[in-house]
Amino acid sequence: MKSYIKKYIEYYINVRHKNNLEEYYGEGTTINVNSLTESIKNKIVLVDVTIKLKGEINIHTIDDSLVWVLVDEVFKYFGTDFTPKIISKWDV
């Protein structure tokens, strides 16, 4: 089930929201979901993502707020009562 959710998050961000992603981070940017770790007790899912930039890293690209919003939308789509928390890394 985790691999399905990981693939869907990547599809949702990289394909369905490609224009938003490229407008925000630059052309050719993609998001990779490295892992999902859930906490049943706290009802959270830790989503580890890498933001792969095609350009350079600067003050304008070190902002993961768009990723937060899009991952949250995926969890609302699945109708889960778990809250996503994001760990983000950047790669060029």
N, C-alpha and C. Protein backbone atom coordinates (compact mmCIF):
# COMPACT_ATOMS: atom_id res chain seq x y z
N MET A 1 0.81 -1.19 0.00
CA MET A 1 0.00 0.00 0.00
C MET A 1 0.87 1.27 0.00
N LYS A 2 1.99 1.25 0.74
CA LYS A 2 2.86 2.42 0.80
C LYS A 2 3.40 2.76 -0.58
N SER A 3 3.80 1.75 -1.35
CA SER A 3 4.37 2.03 -2.66
C SER A 3 3.33 2.67 -3.58
N TYR A 4 2.08 2.25 -3.45
CA TYR A 4 1.00 2.85 -4.24
C TYR A 4 0.83 4.32 -3.88
N ILE A 5 0.83 4.63 -2.60
CA ILE A 5 0.66 6.01 -2.16
C ILE A 5 1.85 6.86 -2.60
N LYS A 6 3.07 6.31 -2.46
CA LYS A 6 4.26 7.03 -2.91
C LYS A 6 4.17 7.36 -4.39
N LYS A 7 3.80 6.37 -5.20
CA LYS A 7 3.69 6.59 -6.64
C LYS A 7 2.59 7.60 -6.97
N TYR A 8 1.48 7.53 -6.23
CA TYR A 8 0.40 8.47 -6.50
C TYR A 8 0.80 9.89 -6.13
N ILE A 9 1.50 10.08 -5.00
CA ILE A 9 1.96 11.42 -4.63
C ILE A 9 2.88 11.97 -5.72
N GLU A 10 3.82 11.15 -6.19
CA GLU A 10 4.73 11.59 -7.25
C GLU A 10 3.96 11.92 -8.53
N TYR A 11 3.01 11.08 -8.90
CA TYR A 11 2.19 11.34 -10.09
C TYR A 11 1.41 12.63 -9.93
N TYR A 12 0.77 12.80 -8.80
CA TYR A 12 -0.08 13.97 -8.56
C TYR A 12 0.73 15.26 -8.66
N ILE A 13 1.92 15.26 -8.08
CA ILE A 13 2.74 16.47 -8.10
C ILE A 13 3.44 16.66 -9.45
N ASN A 14 4.11 15.61 -9.94
CA ASN A 14 4.95 15.73 -11.14
C ASN A 14 4.18 15.78 -12.45
N VAL A 15 2.99 15.20 -12.49
CA VAL A 15 2.22 15.17 -13.74
C VAL A 15 1.04 16.13 -13.69
N ARG A 16 0.18 15.97 -12.70
CA ARG A 16 -1.03 16.79 -12.63
C ARG A 16 -0.74 18.24 -12.29
N HIS A 17 0.31 18.49 -11.52
CA HIS A 17 0.65 19.86 -11.12
C HIS A 17 2.03 20.28 -11.65
N LYS A 18 2.38 19.74 -12.81
CA LYS A 18 3.69 20.03 -13.40
C LYS A 18 3.88 21.52 -13.64
N ASN A 19 2.86 22.19 -14.17
CA ASN A 19 2.98 23.62 -14.45
C ASN A 19 3.22 24.42 -13.18
N ASN A 20 2.48 24.11 -12.11
CA ASN A 20 2.67 24.81 -10.84
C ASN A 20 4.06 24.56 -10.29
N LEU A 21 4.49 23.31 -10.37
CA LEU A 21 5.80 22.92 -9.86
C LEU A 21 6.92 23.67 -10.59
N GLU A 22 6.83 23.72 -11.92
CA GLU A 22 7.87 24.39 -12.71
C GLU A 22 7.81 25.90 -12.56
N GLU A 23 6.63 26.45 -12.39
CA GLU A 23 6.50 27.89 -12.17
C GLU A 23 7.12 28.28 -10.83
N TYR A 24 6.95 27.44 -9.84
CA TYR A 24 7.42 27.74 -8.48
C TYR A 24 8.91 27.49 -8.31
N TYR A 25 9.40 26.34 -8.84
CA TYR A 25 10.78 25.93 -8.61
C TYR A 25 11.68 26.03 -9.84
N GLY A 26 11.12 26.19 -11.01
CA GLY A 26 11.91 26.26 -12.23
C GLY A 26 11.64 25.07 -13.14
N GLU A 27 11.92 25.26 -14.41
CA GLU A 27 11.64 24.25 -15.43
C GLU A 27 12.45 22.97 -15.17
N GLY A 28 11.78 21.84 -15.35
CA GLY A 28 12.44 20.55 -15.19
C GLY A 28 12.48 20.01 -13.78
N THR A 29 11.91 20.72 -12.81
CA THR A 29 11.92 20.27 -11.42
C THR A 29 10.97 19.09 -11.24
N THR A 30 11.41 18.11 -10.46
CA THR A 30 10.57 16.96 -10.11
C THR A 30 10.67 16.70 -8.62
N ILE A 31 9.70 15.97 -8.12
CA ILE A 31 9.66 15.58 -6.71
C ILE A 31 9.74 14.06 -6.63
N ASN A 32 10.63 13.56 -5.78
CA ASN A 32 10.72 12.12 -5.52
C ASN A 32 10.31 11.88 -4.08
N VAL A 33 9.45 10.89 -3.86
CA VAL A 33 9.07 10.50 -2.51
C VAL A 33 10.00 9.36 -2.11
N ASN A 34 10.83 9.59 -1.11
CA ASN A 34 11.81 8.60 -0.67
C ASN A 34 11.20 7.56 0.26
N SER A 35 10.36 8.02 1.18
CA SER A 35 9.75 7.08 2.12
C SER A 35 8.52 7.67 2.78
N LEU A 36 7.69 6.77 3.29
CA LEU A 36 6.53 7.12 4.10
C LEU A 36 6.65 6.36 5.41
N THR A 37 6.52 7.06 6.52
CA THR A 37 6.58 6.42 7.84
C THR A 37 5.37 6.88 8.63
N GLU A 38 4.57 5.93 9.08
CA GLU A 38 3.36 6.31 9.79
C GLU A 38 3.49 6.12 11.30
N SER A 39 2.77 6.94 12.03
CA SER A 39 2.66 6.81 13.48
C SER A 39 1.17 6.63 13.78
N ILE A 40 0.80 5.41 14.12
CA ILE A 40 -0.60 5.10 14.40
C ILE A 40 -1.08 5.88 15.62
N LYS A 41 -0.24 5.94 16.64
CA LYS A 41 -0.61 6.61 17.90
C LYS A 41 -0.88 8.10 17.68
N ASN A 42 -0.01 8.77 16.93
CA ASN A 42 -0.14 10.21 16.72
C ASN A 42 -0.95 10.57 15.47
N LYS A 43 -1.30 9.57 14.68
CA LYS A 43 -2.07 9.75 13.44
C LYS A 43 -1.38 10.72 12.47
N ILE A 44 -0.08 10.50 12.27
CA ILE A 44 0.66 11.29 11.29
C ILE A 44 1.39 10.35 10.34
N VAL A 45 1.69 10.86 9.17
CA VAL A 45 2.54 10.15 8.21
C VAL A 45 3.68 11.10 7.86
N LEU A 46 4.88 10.63 8.07
CA LEU A 46 6.08 11.40 7.74
C LEU A 46 6.43 11.09 6.29
N VAL A 47 6.41 12.11 5.45
CA VAL A 47 6.68 11.96 4.03
C VAL A 47 8.05 12.59 3.74
N ASP A 48 9.01 11.76 3.35
CA ASP A 48 10.37 12.20 3.04
C ASP A 48 10.46 12.42 1.53
N VAL A 49 10.67 13.67 1.12
CA VAL A 49 10.72 14.00 -0.31
C VAL A 49 12.04 14.67 -0.67
N THR A 50 12.42 14.50 -1.93
CA THR A 50 13.56 15.22 -2.50
C THR A 50 13.04 16.07 -3.65
N ILE A 51 13.34 17.37 -3.58
CA ILE A 51 12.97 18.30 -4.64
C ILE A 51 14.17 18.40 -5.56
N LYS A 52 14.05 17.83 -6.76
CA LYS A 52 15.16 17.81 -7.72
C LYS A 52 15.03 19.00 -8.67
N LEU A 53 15.92 19.95 -8.47
CA LEU A 53 15.92 21.17 -9.28
C LEU A 53 16.82 20.99 -10.49
N LYS A 54 16.43 21.56 -11.61
CA LYS A 54 17.29 21.55 -12.80
C LYS A 54 18.19 22.77 -12.83
N GLY A 55 17.82 23.80 -12.10
CA GLY A 55 18.62 25.02 -12.05
C GLY A 55 19.45 25.03 -10.77
N GLU A 56 19.80 26.21 -10.35
CA GLU A 56 20.62 26.35 -9.15
C GLU A 56 19.73 26.53 -7.92
N ILE A 57 20.28 26.19 -6.77
CA ILE A 57 19.59 26.42 -5.51
C ILE A 57 19.89 27.84 -5.07
N ASN A 58 18.83 28.58 -4.79
CA ASN A 58 19.00 29.94 -4.27
C ASN A 58 17.90 30.22 -3.25
N ILE A 59 17.87 31.41 -2.73
CA ILE A 59 16.92 31.77 -1.67
C ILE A 59 15.47 31.60 -2.11
N HIS A 60 15.20 31.74 -3.41
CA HIS A 60 13.83 31.63 -3.91
C HIS A 60 13.37 30.18 -4.06
N THR A 61 14.30 29.25 -4.25
CA THR A 61 13.91 27.85 -4.44
C THR A 61 13.90 27.05 -3.14
N ILE A 62 14.46 27.60 -2.06
CA ILE A 62 14.46 26.89 -0.78
C ILE A 62 13.18 27.24 -0.03
N ASP A 63 12.09 26.76 -0.56
CA ASP A 63 10.78 26.97 0.04
C ASP A 63 9.94 25.75 -0.33
N ASP A 64 9.59 24.96 0.66
CA ASP A 64 8.86 23.73 0.39
C ASP A 64 7.35 23.87 0.60
N SER A 65 6.84 25.08 0.64
CA SER A 65 5.41 25.28 0.92
C SER A 65 4.51 24.67 -0.15
N LEU A 66 4.91 24.72 -1.42
CA LEU A 66 4.08 24.12 -2.47
C LEU A 66 3.99 22.61 -2.28
N VAL A 67 5.08 21.98 -1.92
CA VAL A 67 5.08 20.53 -1.68
C VAL A 67 4.15 20.19 -0.52
N TRP A 68 4.19 20.98 0.54
CA TRP A 68 3.29 20.77 1.69
C TRP A 68 1.83 20.79 1.25
N VAL A 69 1.48 21.79 0.48
CA VAL A 69 0.09 21.94 0.03
C VAL A 69 -0.33 20.75 -0.84
N LEU A 70 0.50 20.36 -1.80
CA LEU A 70 0.13 19.29 -2.72
C LEU A 70 0.06 17.93 -2.02
N VAL A 71 0.98 17.65 -1.10
CA VAL A 71 0.93 16.38 -0.35
C VAL A 71 -0.31 16.36 0.53
N ASP A 72 -0.65 17.47 1.15
CA ASP A 72 -1.86 17.55 1.97
C ASP A 72 -3.10 17.26 1.13
N GLU A 73 -3.15 17.77 -0.11
CA GLU A 73 -4.27 17.50 -1.02
C GLU A 73 -4.41 16.01 -1.30
N VAL A 74 -3.28 15.32 -1.48
CA VAL A 74 -3.32 13.87 -1.74
C VAL A 74 -3.94 13.15 -0.55
N PHE A 75 -3.54 13.50 0.65
CA PHE A 75 -4.08 12.83 1.83
C PHE A 75 -5.56 13.13 2.01
N LYS A 76 -6.02 14.32 1.66
CA LYS A 76 -7.45 14.63 1.70
C LYS A 76 -8.19 13.80 0.65
N TYR A 77 -7.58 13.60 -0.52
CA TYR A 77 -8.18 12.79 -1.58
C TYR A 77 -8.41 11.36 -1.10
N PHE A 78 -7.44 10.79 -0.38
CA PHE A 78 -7.57 9.43 0.12
C PHE A 78 -8.55 9.34 1.28
N GLY A 79 -8.97 10.47 1.84
CA GLY A 79 -9.95 10.48 2.91
C GLY A 79 -9.42 9.91 4.21
N THR A 80 -8.14 10.03 4.43
CA THR A 80 -7.54 9.49 5.64
C THR A 80 -7.59 10.52 6.76
N ASP A 81 -7.61 10.04 7.99
CA ASP A 81 -7.57 10.96 9.13
C ASP A 81 -6.14 11.19 9.61
N PHE A 82 -5.16 10.69 8.86
CA PHE A 82 -3.75 10.93 9.17
C PHE A 82 -3.33 12.30 8.61
N THR A 83 -2.45 12.96 9.33
CA THR A 83 -1.94 14.26 8.91
C THR A 83 -0.52 14.07 8.36
N PRO A 84 -0.25 14.56 7.14
CA PRO A 84 1.11 14.43 6.61
C PRO A 84 2.05 15.47 7.22
N LYS A 85 3.27 15.05 7.47
CA LYS A 85 4.37 15.92 7.87
C LYS A 85 5.48 15.69 6.86
N ILE A 86 6.13 16.75 6.43
CA ILE A 86 7.09 16.66 5.33
C ILE A 86 8.52 16.87 5.82
N ILE A 87 9.41 16.01 5.33
CA ILE A 87 10.86 16.24 5.44
C ILE A 87 11.31 16.46 4.00
N SER A 88 11.86 17.63 3.73
CA SER A 88 12.24 17.91 2.35
C SER A 88 13.74 18.16 2.24
N LYS A 89 14.28 17.67 1.11
CA LYS A 89 15.68 17.87 0.76
C LYS A 89 15.69 18.41 -0.66
N TRP A 90 16.78 19.09 -1.00
CA TRP A 90 16.94 19.62 -2.35
C TRP A 90 18.13 18.97 -3.01
N ASP A 91 18.01 18.77 -4.33
CA ASP A 91 19.09 18.20 -5.11
C ASP A 91 19.12 18.94 -6.45
N VAL A 92 20.32 19.10 -6.97
CA VAL A 92 20.48 19.78 -8.27
C VAL A 92 20.99 18.78 -9.28
